[in-house]
N, C-alpha and C. Protein backbone atom coordinates (compact mmCIF):
# COMPACT_ATOMS: atom_id res chain seq x y z
N MET A 1 126.07 150.05 27.13
CA MET A 1 125.47 148.93 26.44
C MET A 1 124.02 148.88 26.86
N LEU A 2 123.11 148.84 25.92
CA LEU A 2 121.70 148.94 26.27
C LEU A 2 121.09 147.66 26.77
N GLY A 3 121.39 146.56 26.33
CA GLY A 3 120.75 145.35 26.83
C GLY A 3 119.98 144.65 25.74
N GLN A 4 119.30 143.60 26.11
CA GLN A 4 118.61 142.78 25.13
C GLN A 4 117.12 142.76 25.42
N ALA A 5 116.36 142.63 24.37
CA ALA A 5 114.91 142.56 24.52
C ALA A 5 114.52 141.19 25.04
N ASN A 6 113.57 141.17 25.93
CA ASN A 6 113.02 139.91 26.43
C ASN A 6 111.88 139.55 25.51
N ARG A 7 112.11 138.68 24.55
CA ARG A 7 111.13 138.38 23.51
C ARG A 7 109.90 137.65 24.06
N LYS A 8 110.05 136.85 25.09
CA LYS A 8 108.92 136.11 25.64
C LYS A 8 107.90 137.05 26.25
N GLU A 9 108.37 138.07 26.97
CA GLU A 9 107.46 138.97 27.65
C GLU A 9 107.23 140.26 26.86
N GLY A 10 108.02 140.49 25.81
CA GLY A 10 107.87 141.70 25.03
C GLY A 10 108.37 142.94 25.75
N ILE A 11 109.22 142.74 26.74
CA ILE A 11 109.74 143.86 27.53
C ILE A 11 111.21 144.03 27.23
N ARG A 12 111.63 145.26 27.05
CA ARG A 12 113.05 145.52 26.81
C ARG A 12 113.69 145.86 28.16
N SER A 13 114.66 145.03 28.53
CA SER A 13 115.37 145.30 29.78
C SER A 13 116.67 146.01 29.46
N ILE A 14 117.10 146.83 30.36
CA ILE A 14 118.35 147.54 30.17
C ILE A 14 119.34 147.05 31.22
N ARG A 15 120.45 146.53 30.73
CA ARG A 15 121.50 146.05 31.62
C ARG A 15 122.62 147.09 31.64
N PRO A 16 123.02 147.54 32.82
CA PRO A 16 124.13 148.49 32.86
C PRO A 16 125.42 147.79 32.47
N GLU A 17 126.38 148.58 31.99
CA GLU A 17 127.68 148.01 31.65
C GLU A 17 128.35 147.49 32.91
N LYS A 18 129.13 146.46 32.74
CA LYS A 18 129.88 145.92 33.87
C LYS A 18 130.92 146.94 34.30
N LYS A 19 131.05 147.11 35.59
CA LYS A 19 132.03 148.04 36.13
C LYS A 19 133.23 147.25 36.61
N MET A 20 134.40 147.83 36.47
CA MET A 20 135.63 147.24 36.96
C MET A 20 136.05 148.01 38.19
N ALA A 21 136.23 147.32 39.28
CA ALA A 21 136.58 147.98 40.53
C ALA A 21 138.02 148.48 40.48
N THR A 22 138.22 149.68 40.97
CA THR A 22 139.55 150.23 41.13
C THR A 22 139.65 150.74 42.56
N SER A 23 140.78 151.24 42.92
CA SER A 23 140.95 151.70 44.29
C SER A 23 140.07 152.89 44.62
N ASP A 24 139.78 153.76 43.65
CA ASP A 24 139.02 154.96 43.97
C ASP A 24 137.68 155.08 43.23
N LYS A 25 137.49 154.36 42.14
CA LYS A 25 136.22 154.43 41.42
C LYS A 25 136.08 153.21 40.53
N SER A 26 134.95 153.10 39.89
CA SER A 26 134.71 152.00 38.97
C SER A 26 134.88 152.49 37.54
N VAL A 27 135.38 151.60 36.68
CA VAL A 27 135.61 151.91 35.28
C VAL A 27 134.83 150.89 34.46
N THR A 28 134.05 151.35 33.50
CA THR A 28 133.32 150.41 32.65
C THR A 28 134.27 149.76 31.66
N ALA A 29 133.83 148.66 31.09
CA ALA A 29 134.64 147.98 30.08
C ALA A 29 134.91 148.90 28.90
N ASP A 30 133.93 149.71 28.53
CA ASP A 30 134.10 150.64 27.41
C ASP A 30 135.11 151.73 27.75
N GLU A 31 135.07 152.24 28.97
CA GLU A 31 136.04 153.24 29.40
C GLU A 31 137.45 152.66 29.40
N ARG A 32 137.57 151.42 29.86
CA ARG A 32 138.87 150.75 29.87
C ARG A 32 139.40 150.59 28.45
N ARG A 33 138.55 150.17 27.54
CA ARG A 33 138.95 150.00 26.14
C ARG A 33 139.41 151.33 25.56
N GLN A 34 138.71 152.40 25.86
CA GLN A 34 139.10 153.72 25.37
C GLN A 34 140.45 154.14 25.93
N MET A 35 140.69 153.83 27.19
CA MET A 35 141.97 154.15 27.80
C MET A 35 143.10 153.37 27.13
N VAL A 36 142.87 152.09 26.87
CA VAL A 36 143.87 151.26 26.20
C VAL A 36 144.11 151.77 24.79
N GLU A 37 143.03 152.12 24.10
CA GLU A 37 143.14 152.63 22.73
C GLU A 37 144.00 153.89 22.68
N GLN A 38 143.78 154.78 23.61
CA GLN A 38 144.55 156.02 23.64
C GLN A 38 146.01 155.75 23.98
N ALA A 39 146.26 154.88 24.95
CA ALA A 39 147.64 154.54 25.32
C ALA A 39 148.37 153.88 24.15
N ALA A 40 147.69 152.99 23.43
CA ALA A 40 148.29 152.32 22.27
C ALA A 40 148.61 153.35 21.18
N TYR A 41 147.74 154.32 20.99
CA TYR A 41 148.00 155.37 20.01
C TYR A 41 149.28 156.13 20.36
N PHE A 42 149.42 156.50 21.64
CA PHE A 42 150.60 157.26 22.04
C PHE A 42 151.88 156.43 21.92
N LEU A 43 151.78 155.13 22.17
CA LEU A 43 152.94 154.26 21.97
C LEU A 43 153.33 154.23 20.49
N ALA A 44 152.34 154.11 19.62
CA ALA A 44 152.61 154.09 18.18
C ALA A 44 153.18 155.44 17.73
N GLU A 45 152.63 156.51 18.24
CA GLU A 45 153.12 157.84 17.90
C GLU A 45 154.58 158.01 18.31
N LYS A 46 154.90 157.52 19.49
CA LYS A 46 156.28 157.61 20.00
C LYS A 46 157.26 156.88 19.08
N ARG A 47 156.79 155.82 18.44
CA ARG A 47 157.61 155.02 17.51
C ARG A 47 157.57 155.58 16.09
N GLY A 48 156.81 156.62 15.86
CA GLY A 48 156.70 157.18 14.51
C GLY A 48 155.70 156.43 13.65
N PHE A 49 154.75 155.73 14.27
CA PHE A 49 153.70 154.97 13.57
C PHE A 49 154.26 153.93 12.60
N GLU A 50 155.40 153.37 12.95
CA GLU A 50 155.99 152.31 12.13
C GLU A 50 155.05 151.11 12.11
N ALA A 51 154.73 150.63 10.91
CA ALA A 51 153.79 149.52 10.75
C ALA A 51 154.36 148.21 11.30
N GLY A 52 153.46 147.33 11.69
CA GLY A 52 153.84 146.00 12.13
C GLY A 52 153.96 145.84 13.63
N HIS A 53 153.65 146.89 14.39
CA HIS A 53 153.77 146.82 15.85
C HIS A 53 152.44 147.05 16.55
N GLU A 54 151.34 146.92 15.82
CA GLU A 54 150.02 147.23 16.36
C GLU A 54 149.67 146.36 17.56
N LEU A 55 149.86 145.06 17.44
CA LEU A 55 149.52 144.15 18.54
C LEU A 55 150.42 144.41 19.74
N GLU A 56 151.70 144.60 19.49
CA GLU A 56 152.65 144.90 20.56
C GLU A 56 152.24 146.17 21.30
N ASP A 57 151.84 147.21 20.55
CA ASP A 57 151.40 148.46 21.16
C ASP A 57 150.15 148.24 22.00
N TRP A 58 149.19 147.47 21.46
CA TRP A 58 147.94 147.23 22.18
C TRP A 58 148.18 146.47 23.49
N LEU A 59 149.00 145.43 23.42
CA LEU A 59 149.27 144.63 24.62
C LEU A 59 150.05 145.43 25.66
N SER A 60 150.98 146.25 25.21
CA SER A 60 151.72 147.12 26.13
C SER A 60 150.78 148.13 26.78
N ALA A 61 149.89 148.67 25.98
CA ALA A 61 148.91 149.63 26.50
C ALA A 61 147.99 148.97 27.52
N GLU A 62 147.57 147.74 27.26
CA GLU A 62 146.73 147.02 28.23
C GLU A 62 147.46 146.84 29.54
N ARG A 63 148.74 146.48 29.49
CA ARG A 63 149.52 146.32 30.72
C ARG A 63 149.62 147.64 31.48
N GLN A 64 149.85 148.73 30.75
CA GLN A 64 149.94 150.05 31.39
C GLN A 64 148.64 150.41 32.10
N ILE A 65 147.54 150.21 31.42
CA ILE A 65 146.24 150.58 31.99
C ILE A 65 145.89 149.68 33.17
N GLU A 66 146.12 148.39 33.03
CA GLU A 66 145.85 147.47 34.15
C GLU A 66 146.66 147.86 35.38
N SER A 67 147.89 148.26 35.16
CA SER A 67 148.75 148.69 36.25
C SER A 67 148.21 149.96 36.90
N ARG A 68 147.79 150.90 36.08
CA ARG A 68 147.23 152.15 36.60
C ARG A 68 145.94 151.92 37.36
N LEU A 69 145.15 150.96 36.91
CA LEU A 69 143.88 150.67 37.57
C LEU A 69 144.05 149.76 38.78
N GLY A 70 145.28 149.32 39.00
CA GLY A 70 145.55 148.47 40.16
C GLY A 70 145.08 147.04 39.98
N ARG A 71 145.00 146.59 38.73
CA ARG A 71 144.51 145.24 38.46
C ARG A 71 145.58 144.39 37.81
N CYS A 72 146.83 144.69 38.08
CA CYS A 72 147.94 143.98 37.47
C CYS A 72 147.90 142.51 37.86
N GLN A 73 147.97 141.63 36.85
CA GLN A 73 147.96 140.20 37.11
C GLN A 73 149.38 139.69 37.21
N LYS A 74 149.61 138.80 38.17
CA LYS A 74 150.95 138.25 38.34
C LYS A 74 150.96 136.79 38.03
């Protein structure tokens, strides 16, 4: 994510993406989204891409990724 222009000073600042701490490295929000997207795809594929389960696949994929990243909420 590039950041926002500072209109008052006319300077463009660059803000790095937020990192998510894991046990061994940091994962950006975009990397996490990509991981969830891929996991959701594989869940849908396993079901034969039957329509109507998109949200269920996405939420299941989020839980899988959060668990793998060690950020499981209880």
